[in-house]
Amino acid sequence: MRYAPAIAVGKLVRIAARLRKPGGGSAIPGLIVNRIAPGYLKRTLSGFPQGLVVVSGSSGKSTTTKMLVAILRAHEVSIFTNPSTANISQGLTSALLEQADWRGRVPGDVAVLEMDEGHGALVMQGVDARVVALTNVMVDQIDRFHDSEMVAGMLARIAARAGEAVVLNADDAYLERLAARVAPGVAVRRFGVSAEVLAAAPRGLGNTETSEARLDPADGVVVARVDGASAVLLDGGVERPIGLPARGIHYAVDAAAAYATARAVLGERFSPETASAALSSIPPVFGRGERVRIRDQDVDFVLVQNPASYQLNIDAIPVGTEQILFAIGSDVRDPSYFWPVDASSLGRVSIVSGSKAAEAALMLAYDGVAIDRVEPDLGRALDDFLAAPAPANGVKTIVFTADSMRRTRAHLGLTEAE
């Protein structure tokens, strides 16, 4: 009952925010509750009967978390998770409030949470996790994370809260060095890709520093092969074919991360067959290769968040895709951040939009991409793009950063949970 007044305020604020702006204001209740009851988040995260599982890293957190939740639920484990990819402190609190009763109790035996690396390092102070999964260290949000050493340090602080296991990407040299500092008694589990998969990646895996050696299948879960939206995992030397939510090696790596983490959480209860079936059945995560039906036509959403994810996702767009809308929003304070990316494979972009439309158009032009139109007004750009005749080749594709993604979904009335 200690936090009942704060919870009541949070729930009322949530109702008011949704009435004012359907699908919006999701972080505001958490922001208010964190201010008036600063202990609520940590106490609640520490209260799940079978503990807390944390997924963090520069990229792949959302997809890995969704895959992990699907595997655990397929094993009949009751899960609380943050479904709207609300991975900073106020978003996590809002996600808890959404399911909490008036006394603050949240259903679920295990909490599986995606955490932003910076906020996670703060949230996890004084909170213990059973298992921590770390995806990678990439050059990301240079206005927040000045260098990769800083990110690795944050992830190390999150990993230090693990009581049973740390699951990490063996292809990431920063994480491999972190493994040597894991506390005694905490198991280290690994996932990675085969030499064949790495050789097939046009520009590598996107990690700031890639490990020199590949993971031995005897030492973890290995992505043996990737073919479009399907892959084969090696688990103990046994091949496990899986489907992926979208095309791309990075989705296969996310699947390996989720598979390895589920094995660490479930122990002897883990079923490879159940895990493989669960992985093969999940849809894309909120903009990550997501195909949406809008105004009687299919549209692909492609979210780019840092230079590595931008490159990997651009490379996964089928060559010859005729109609592409490219939008960079206010979340990218300095668009020069993306200049190292080679976007030449896009060939032609129908409309460049967003608050950084001019900078984005210049960047694409230097890559030799033909641009039909620059339209800073994203709403107008979306309406015109969707009104255009269907392409003769490929599917209409919208490439956007996080700010433009949120504005796109709001403009199109896509207010369902992420």
Protein backbone atom coordinates (compact mmCIF):
# COMPACT_ATOMS: atom_id res chain seq x y z
CA MET A 1 0.00 0.00 0.00
CA ARG A 2 3.04 2.26 0.35
CA TYR A 3 2.88 3.37 -3.29
CA ALA A 4 -0.91 3.33 -3.69
CA PRO A 5 -1.31 7.14 -3.91
CA ALA A 6 1.46 7.43 -6.51
CA ILE A 7 -0.02 4.57 -8.53
CA ALA A 8 -3.44 6.19 -8.46
CA VAL A 9 -1.97 9.46 -9.72
CA GLY A 10 -0.05 7.64 -12.44
CA LYS A 11 -3.10 5.74 -13.66
CA LEU A 12 -5.21 8.89 -13.77
CA VAL A 13 -2.49 10.75 -15.68
CA ARG A 14 -2.28 7.84 -18.13
CA ILE A 15 -6.05 7.99 -18.75
CA ALA A 16 -5.92 11.75 -19.27
CA ALA A 17 -2.92 11.50 -21.62
CA ARG A 18 -4.64 8.87 -23.76
CA LEU A 19 -7.84 10.90 -23.94
CA ARG A 20 -5.89 13.97 -25.02
CA LYS A 21 -3.74 12.14 -27.56
CA PRO A 22 -4.66 8.55 -28.46
CA GLY A 23 -1.53 6.46 -28.66
CA GLY A 24 0.63 9.21 -27.17
CA GLY A 25 1.87 10.36 -23.79
CA SER A 26 2.93 6.86 -22.79
CA ALA A 27 5.98 7.98 -20.79
CA ILE A 28 4.33 10.85 -18.89
CA PRO A 29 2.72 8.72 -16.13
CA GLY A 30 6.06 7.06 -15.44
CA LEU A 31 7.85 10.38 -15.32
CA ILE A 32 5.40 11.69 -12.71
CA VAL A 33 5.44 8.52 -10.58
CA ASN A 34 9.24 8.40 -10.61
CA ARG A 35 9.27 11.93 -9.20
CA ILE A 36 6.71 11.45 -6.44
CA ALA A 37 7.65 7.85 -5.58
CA PRO A 38 11.30 7.37 -6.65
CA GLY A 39 11.54 3.91 -5.05
CA TYR A 40 8.59 2.39 -6.91
CA LEU A 41 10.47 1.24 -10.02
CA LYS A 42 13.33 -0.50 -8.22
CA ARG A 43 11.10 -2.14 -5.63
CA THR A 44 8.70 -3.49 -8.25
CA LEU A 45 11.49 -4.81 -10.50
CA SER A 46 12.88 -6.69 -7.51
CA GLY A 47 9.52 -8.26 -6.64
CA PHE A 48 8.88 -10.83 -9.37
CA PRO A 49 8.76 -14.39 -7.97
CA GLN A 50 11.19 -15.86 -10.52
CA GLY A 51 13.30 -12.77 -10.94
CA LEU A 52 14.29 -10.27 -13.58
CA VAL A 53 15.87 -10.77 -17.01
CA VAL A 54 17.44 -7.72 -18.66
CA VAL A 55 18.31 -7.24 -22.34
CA SER A 56 20.57 -4.34 -23.23
CA GLY A 57 23.12 -3.20 -25.81
CA SER A 58 23.48 -0.69 -28.61
CA SER A 59 21.22 -2.39 -31.16
CA GLY A 60 18.83 -5.33 -31.40
CA LYS A 61 17.35 -4.94 -27.91
CA SER A 62 13.71 -4.71 -28.96
CA THR A 63 13.74 -7.64 -31.34
CA THR A 64 15.77 -9.83 -28.98
CA THR A 65 13.40 -9.04 -26.10
CA LYS A 66 10.32 -9.86 -28.15
CA MET A 67 11.88 -13.13 -29.33
CA LEU A 68 12.88 -14.06 -25.79
CA VAL A 69 9.40 -13.35 -24.45
CA ALA A 70 7.87 -15.49 -27.21
CA ILE A 71 10.16 -18.42 -26.35
CA LEU A 72 9.47 -18.20 -22.62
CA ARG A 73 5.71 -17.93 -23.12
CA ALA A 74 5.82 -20.94 -25.42
CA HIS A 75 7.33 -22.76 -22.43
CA GLU A 76 4.26 -21.63 -20.41
CA VAL A 77 6.13 -19.10 -18.30
CA SER A 78 4.07 -16.11 -17.11
CA ILE A 79 5.92 -12.98 -18.25
CA PHE A 80 5.77 -9.27 -17.61
CA THR A 81 7.55 -7.25 -20.26
CA ASN A 82 7.68 -3.72 -21.67
CA PRO A 83 5.80 -4.29 -24.95
CA SER A 84 6.00 -0.71 -26.19
CA THR A 85 9.83 -0.73 -26.27
CA ALA A 86 9.68 1.75 -23.38
CA ASN A 87 13.26 1.12 -22.33
CA ILE A 88 14.17 4.20 -20.26
CA SER A 89 13.22 4.73 -16.63
CA GLN A 90 9.95 6.62 -17.12
CA GLY A 91 8.90 4.25 -19.90
CA LEU A 92 9.58 1.23 -17.71
CA THR A 93 7.52 2.72 -14.90
CA SER A 94 4.68 3.50 -17.31
CA ALA A 95 4.75 -0.10 -18.55
CA LEU A 96 4.50 -1.35 -14.95
CA LEU A 97 1.65 1.06 -14.17
CA GLU A 98 -0.30 -0.14 -17.18
CA GLN A 99 -0.58 -3.65 -15.70
CA ALA A 100 -0.33 -2.93 -11.98
CA ASP A 101 -3.35 -3.15 -9.71
CA TRP A 102 -4.15 -0.27 -7.36
CA ARG A 103 -1.75 -1.67 -4.77
CA GLY A 104 1.09 -1.84 -7.26
CA ARG A 105 1.17 -5.59 -7.82
CA VAL A 106 2.15 -6.55 -11.37
CA PRO A 107 1.22 -9.97 -12.80
CA GLY A 108 3.94 -12.30 -14.03
CA ASP A 109 6.41 -14.78 -12.58
CA VAL A 110 9.37 -13.37 -14.51
CA ALA A 111 10.04 -9.83 -15.77
CA VAL A 112 11.81 -9.64 -19.13
CA LEU A 113 12.81 -6.06 -19.84
CA GLU A 114 14.62 -4.26 -22.60
CA MET A 115 16.72 -1.50 -21.09
CA ASP A 116 18.46 1.44 -22.69
CA GLU A 117 22.14 1.07 -21.83
CA GLY A 118 22.43 4.48 -20.18
CA HIS A 119 19.20 4.40 -18.20
CA GLY A 120 19.68 0.71 -17.45
CA ALA A 121 22.98 1.38 -15.73
CA LEU A 122 21.13 3.78 -13.42
CA VAL A 123 17.93 1.74 -12.94
CA MET A 124 19.88 -1.40 -12.05
CA GLN A 125 21.65 0.27 -9.12
CA GLY A 126 20.30 -1.71 -6.19
CA VAL A 127 18.29 -4.09 -8.39
CA ASP A 128 19.36 -7.69 -8.91
CA ALA A 129 18.75 -9.62 -12.12
CA ARG A 130 18.81 -13.36 -12.65
CA VAL A 131 20.11 -13.10 -16.20
CA VAL A 132 21.51 -10.21 -18.24
CA ALA A 133 21.77 -10.47 -22.04
CA LEU A 134 24.02 -8.05 -23.94
CA THR A 135 23.63 -7.68 -27.69
CA ASN A 136 26.57 -5.54 -28.87
CA VAL A 137 28.53 -2.30 -28.61
CA MET A 138 28.15 0.03 -31.60
CA VAL A 139 28.76 3.69 -32.36
CA ASP A 140 25.39 5.06 -31.26
CA GLN A 141 23.82 8.39 -30.27
CA ILE A 142 27.09 10.29 -30.07
CA ASP A 143 25.36 13.17 -28.28
CA ARG A 144 24.64 10.75 -25.39
CA PHE A 145 27.28 8.05 -25.72
CA HIS A 146 30.50 9.83 -26.60
CA ASP A 147 32.49 6.70 -27.36
CA SER A 148 32.23 2.92 -27.26
CA GLU A 149 34.28 2.68 -24.06
CA MET A 150 31.52 4.63 -22.34
CA VAL A 151 28.85 2.22 -23.62
CA ALA A 152 30.89 -0.81 -22.61
CA GLY A 153 31.24 0.64 -19.12
CA MET A 154 27.47 1.09 -18.82
CA LEU A 155 26.84 -2.47 -19.98
CA ALA A 156 29.41 -3.73 -17.49
CA ARG A 157 27.48 -2.08 -14.67
CA ILE A 158 24.27 -3.76 -15.84
CA ALA A 159 26.04 -7.13 -16.17
CA ALA A 160 27.39 -6.76 -12.64
CA ARG A 161 23.81 -7.10 -11.32
CA ALA A 162 23.37 -10.60 -12.80
CA GLY A 163 23.15 -13.36 -10.21
CA GLU A 164 22.97 -16.45 -12.43
CA ALA A 165 24.21 -15.77 -15.94
CA VAL A 166 25.42 -13.17 -18.41
CA VAL A 167 24.63 -13.95 -22.05
CA LEU A 168 26.78 -12.06 -24.53
CA ASN A 169 27.67 -11.68 -28.18
CA ALA A 170 30.96 -13.53 -28.73
CA ASP A 171 31.53 -11.58 -31.97
CA ASP A 172 31.77 -8.32 -30.04
CA ALA A 173 35.29 -7.77 -28.73
CA TYR A 174 34.12 -5.26 -26.11
CA LEU A 175 31.69 -7.80 -24.65
CA GLU A 176 34.28 -10.57 -24.73
CA ARG A 177 36.57 -8.40 -22.62
CA LEU A 178 33.64 -7.70 -20.29
CA ALA A 179 33.16 -11.47 -19.84
CA ALA A 180 36.49 -11.70 -18.04
CA ARG A 181 35.13 -9.39 -15.32
CA VAL A 182 31.91 -11.28 -14.57
CA ALA A 183 31.57 -12.10 -10.87
CA PRO A 184 32.61 -15.56 -9.64
CA GLY A 185 29.74 -18.02 -9.71
CA VAL A 186 27.93 -16.22 -12.54
CA ALA A 187 27.86 -18.29 -15.73
CA VAL A 188 28.86 -16.75 -19.07
CA ARG A 189 26.81 -17.94 -22.05
CA ARG A 190 27.58 -16.94 -25.62
CA PHE A 191 26.03 -16.57 -29.06
CA GLY A 192 27.65 -15.64 -32.37
CA VAL A 193 27.86 -16.26 -36.10
CA SER A 194 29.83 -18.73 -38.18
CA ALA A 195 32.72 -17.73 -40.41
CA GLU A 196 30.44 -18.39 -43.40
CA VAL A 197 27.81 -15.93 -42.14
CA LEU A 198 30.37 -13.25 -41.33
CA ALA A 199 31.92 -13.60 -44.79
CA ALA A 200 28.46 -13.12 -46.35
CA ALA A 201 27.85 -9.84 -44.48
CA PRO A 202 28.57 -7.04 -46.99
CA ARG A 203 30.09 -4.73 -44.38
CA GLY A 204 30.49 -6.92 -41.32
CA LEU A 205 28.25 -7.10 -38.27
CA GLY A 206 28.33 -3.42 -37.34
CA ASN A 207 30.10 -3.88 -34.01
CA THR A 208 32.59 -1.20 -33.05
CA GLU A 209 35.18 -3.96 -32.72
CA THR A 210 34.58 -7.48 -33.99
CA SER A 211 36.26 -10.42 -32.26
CA GLU A 212 38.98 -12.07 -34.30
CA ALA A 213 37.82 -15.65 -33.65
CA ARG A 214 34.38 -17.13 -34.29
CA LEU A 215 32.46 -18.94 -31.57
CA ASP A 216 32.91 -22.71 -31.46
CA PRO A 217 29.45 -24.39 -31.65
CA ALA A 218 30.43 -26.40 -28.59
CA ASP A 219 30.65 -23.17 -26.58
CA GLY A 220 27.34 -21.51 -27.41
CA VAL A 221 24.60 -20.86 -29.94
CA VAL A 222 25.92 -20.16 -33.44
CA VAL A 223 24.13 -18.73 -36.48
CA ALA A 224 25.31 -21.27 -39.05
CA ARG A 225 23.48 -19.98 -42.13
CA VAL A 226 21.14 -17.15 -43.14
CA ASP A 227 18.98 -17.15 -46.25
CA GLY A 228 16.67 -14.13 -46.48
CA ALA A 229 14.13 -14.45 -43.67
CA SER A 230 15.25 -17.90 -42.55
CA ALA A 231 18.29 -19.15 -40.68
CA VAL A 232 19.86 -22.19 -39.08
CA LEU A 233 21.13 -22.11 -35.51
CA LEU A 234 23.67 -24.58 -34.17
CA ASP A 235 22.87 -25.58 -30.60
CA GLY A 236 25.28 -28.12 -29.21
CA GLY A 237 26.18 -29.03 -32.78
CA VAL A 238 22.53 -29.77 -33.68
CA GLU A 239 20.98 -27.72 -36.49
CA ARG A 240 17.80 -25.82 -35.56
CA PRO A 241 16.09 -24.19 -38.59
CA ILE A 242 14.15 -21.03 -37.72
CA GLY A 243 12.13 -18.33 -39.45
CA LEU A 244 13.02 -14.67 -38.95
CA PRO A 245 10.66 -11.67 -38.65
CA ALA A 246 12.48 -9.92 -41.52
CA ARG A 247 15.42 -10.29 -43.88
CA GLY A 248 18.93 -9.73 -42.57
CA ILE A 249 21.81 -11.30 -40.68
CA HIS A 250 21.18 -8.97 -37.73
CA TYR A 251 17.77 -10.58 -37.14
CA ALA A 252 19.41 -14.00 -37.06
CA VAL A 253 21.88 -12.71 -34.46
CA ASP A 254 18.96 -11.40 -32.39
CA ALA A 255 17.35 -14.85 -32.63
CA ALA A 256 20.54 -16.52 -31.42
CA ALA A 257 20.69 -14.08 -28.51
CA ALA A 258 17.10 -14.83 -27.52
CA TYR A 259 17.60 -18.60 -27.89
CA ALA A 260 20.76 -18.58 -25.75
CA THR A 261 19.13 -16.36 -23.11
CA ALA A 262 16.03 -18.56 -22.92
CA ARG A 263 18.27 -21.58 -22.39
CA ALA A 264 20.00 -19.75 -19.52
CA VAL A 265 16.68 -18.76 -17.92
CA LEU A 266 14.91 -22.11 -18.30
CA GLY A 267 17.74 -24.54 -17.64
CA GLU A 268 16.50 -28.12 -17.84
CA ARG A 269 13.02 -26.94 -18.82
CA PHE A 270 14.35 -25.58 -22.12
CA SER A 271 13.06 -27.31 -25.25
CA PRO A 272 14.97 -26.59 -28.49
CA GLU A 273 11.94 -27.58 -30.55
CA THR A 274 9.64 -25.24 -28.64
CA ALA A 275 12.14 -22.40 -28.89
CA SER A 276 12.64 -22.87 -32.64
CA ALA A 277 8.88 -22.94 -33.26
CA ALA A 278 8.36 -19.78 -31.17
CA LEU A 279 11.10 -17.91 -33.02
CA SER A 280 9.59 -18.88 -36.36
CA SER A 281 6.17 -17.53 -35.51
CA ILE A 282 6.76 -13.99 -34.23
CA PRO A 283 6.07 -10.86 -36.30
CA PRO A 284 8.52 -7.96 -36.67
CA VAL A 285 8.97 -5.48 -33.84
CA PHE A 286 7.58 -1.96 -34.30
CA GLY A 287 9.35 -0.65 -37.37
CA ARG A 288 12.10 -3.26 -37.48
CA GLY A 289 11.32 -4.75 -40.87
CA GLU A 290 7.61 -4.43 -40.11
CA ARG A 291 5.11 -4.73 -42.97
CA VAL A 292 1.89 -2.79 -42.36
CA ARG A 293 -1.36 -2.65 -44.32
CA ILE A 294 -2.18 1.05 -44.84
CA ARG A 295 -4.89 2.44 -47.08
CA ASP A 296 -5.29 -0.88 -48.89
CA GLN A 297 -1.61 -1.32 -49.65
CA ASP A 298 1.40 -2.99 -48.04
CA VAL A 299 4.12 -0.70 -46.68
CA ASP A 300 7.44 -1.77 -45.19
CA PHE A 301 8.76 0.16 -42.18
CA VAL A 302 12.54 0.25 -41.73
CA LEU A 303 13.88 1.89 -38.56
CA VAL A 304 17.48 3.18 -38.54
CA GLN A 305 18.93 4.25 -35.20
CA ASN A 306 22.69 4.37 -35.56
CA PRO A 307 25.19 4.05 -38.42
CA ALA A 308 25.49 0.28 -37.98
CA SER A 309 21.75 -0.44 -37.95
CA TYR A 310 21.29 2.04 -40.81
CA GLN A 311 23.83 0.18 -42.93
CA LEU A 312 22.51 -3.29 -42.07
CA ASN A 313 18.90 -2.33 -42.76
CA ILE A 314 19.68 -0.47 -45.99
CA ASP A 315 21.62 -3.49 -47.22
CA ALA A 316 18.59 -5.70 -46.48
CA ILE A 317 16.19 -3.63 -48.67
CA PRO A 318 15.82 -5.52 -51.97
CA VAL A 319 17.74 -3.81 -54.76
CA GLY A 320 15.33 -2.25 -57.24
CA THR A 321 12.68 -1.27 -54.68
CA GLU A 322 10.96 1.50 -56.62
CA GLN A 323 9.20 3.66 -54.04
CA ILE A 324 11.07 4.71 -50.91
CA LEU A 325 10.29 7.53 -48.46
CA PHE A 326 13.31 8.50 -46.38
CA ALA A 327 12.77 10.59 -43.21
CA ILE A 328 15.24 11.82 -40.59
CA GLY A 329 13.72 13.56 -37.60
CA SER A 330 14.76 15.74 -34.68
CA ASP A 331 16.19 12.79 -32.75
CA VAL A 332 19.27 13.01 -34.99
CA ARG A 333 20.79 16.25 -33.77
CA ASP A 334 23.76 16.06 -36.11
CA PRO A 335 23.00 14.18 -39.36
CA SER A 336 26.72 13.96 -40.16
CA TYR A 337 26.56 11.03 -37.72
CA PHE A 338 25.18 8.98 -40.64
CA TRP A 339 27.68 10.06 -43.30
CA PRO A 340 29.87 6.92 -42.98
CA VAL A 341 26.94 4.81 -44.23
CA ASP A 342 26.85 3.82 -47.90
CA ALA A 343 23.23 4.14 -49.06
CA SER A 344 23.99 3.80 -52.77
CA SER A 345 22.10 0.50 -52.99
CA LEU A 346 18.83 2.44 -52.64
CA GLY A 347 19.32 3.81 -56.15
CA ARG A 348 16.36 6.18 -56.06
CA VAL A 349 14.25 7.72 -53.28
CA SER A 350 10.80 9.10 -54.05
CA ILE A 351 10.59 11.60 -51.17
CA VAL A 352 13.04 12.78 -48.51
CA SER A 353 11.28 14.25 -45.48
CA GLY A 354 11.45 15.02 -41.78
CA SER A 355 12.90 17.95 -39.88
CA LYS A 356 16.37 17.10 -41.24
CA ALA A 357 15.17 16.59 -44.83
CA ALA A 358 17.72 18.92 -46.43
CA GLU A 359 20.67 17.30 -44.66
CA ALA A 360 19.35 13.83 -45.45
CA ALA A 361 18.93 14.69 -49.13
CA LEU A 362 22.49 16.00 -49.33
CA MET A 363 23.82 12.84 -47.72
CA LEU A 364 21.91 10.60 -50.14
CA ALA A 365 22.98 12.70 -53.11
CA TYR A 366 26.64 12.18 -52.22
CA ASP A 367 25.96 8.43 -52.28
CA GLY A 368 24.64 8.77 -55.83
CA VAL A 369 21.00 8.22 -54.87
CA ALA A 370 18.52 9.95 -57.19
CA ILE A 371 15.91 12.00 -55.29
CA ASP A 372 12.56 12.83 -56.83
CA ARG A 373 11.44 15.32 -54.19
CA VAL A 374 12.37 16.91 -50.87
CA GLU A 375 9.33 17.61 -48.67
CA PRO A 376 10.10 18.70 -45.07
CA ASP A 377 6.44 18.37 -44.01
CA LEU A 378 6.29 14.70 -43.02
CA GLY A 379 2.48 14.51 -42.96
CA ARG A 380 2.23 15.85 -46.51
CA ALA A 381 5.06 13.58 -47.64
CA LEU A 382 3.31 10.53 -46.19
CA ASP A 383 -0.03 11.38 -47.78
CA ASP A 384 1.53 11.95 -51.20
CA PHE A 385 3.71 8.85 -50.95
CA LEU A 386 0.76 6.63 -50.09
CA ALA A 387 -1.43 8.23 -52.77
CA ALA A 388 1.08 7.37 -55.52
CA PRO A 389 0.27 4.35 -57.74
CA ALA A 390 1.51 0.98 -56.56
CA PRO A 391 5.09 0.20 -57.57
CA ALA A 392 5.75 -2.23 -60.39
CA ASN A 393 8.64 -3.70 -58.43
CA GLY A 394 8.86 -4.27 -54.68
CA VAL A 395 6.81 -2.82 -51.82
CA LYS A 396 6.47 0.82 -50.80
CA THR A 397 9.13 1.31 -48.13
CA ILE A 398 9.49 3.99 -45.46
CA VAL A 399 12.95 4.38 -43.93
CA PHE A 400 12.91 6.53 -40.81
CA THR A 401 14.66 7.43 -37.59
CA ALA A 402 12.85 7.12 -34.25
CA ASP A 403 11.31 10.60 -34.20
CA SER A 404 9.98 10.26 -37.74
CA MET A 405 8.72 6.77 -36.91
CA ARG A 406 6.64 8.08 -34.02
CA ARG A 407 5.28 10.93 -36.13
CA THR A 408 4.51 8.55 -38.98
CA ARG A 409 2.55 6.21 -36.75
CA ALA A 410 0.65 9.10 -35.16
CA HIS A 411 -0.18 10.62 -38.57
CA LEU A 412 -1.40 7.26 -39.89
CA GLY A 413 -3.43 6.46 -36.78
CA LEU A 414 -1.33 3.43 -35.85
CA THR A 415 -1.93 3.69 -32.13
CA GLU A 416 -1.73 0.04 -31.16
CA ALA A 417 0.98 -1.15 -28.75
CA GLU A 418 4.38 -1.37 -30.32
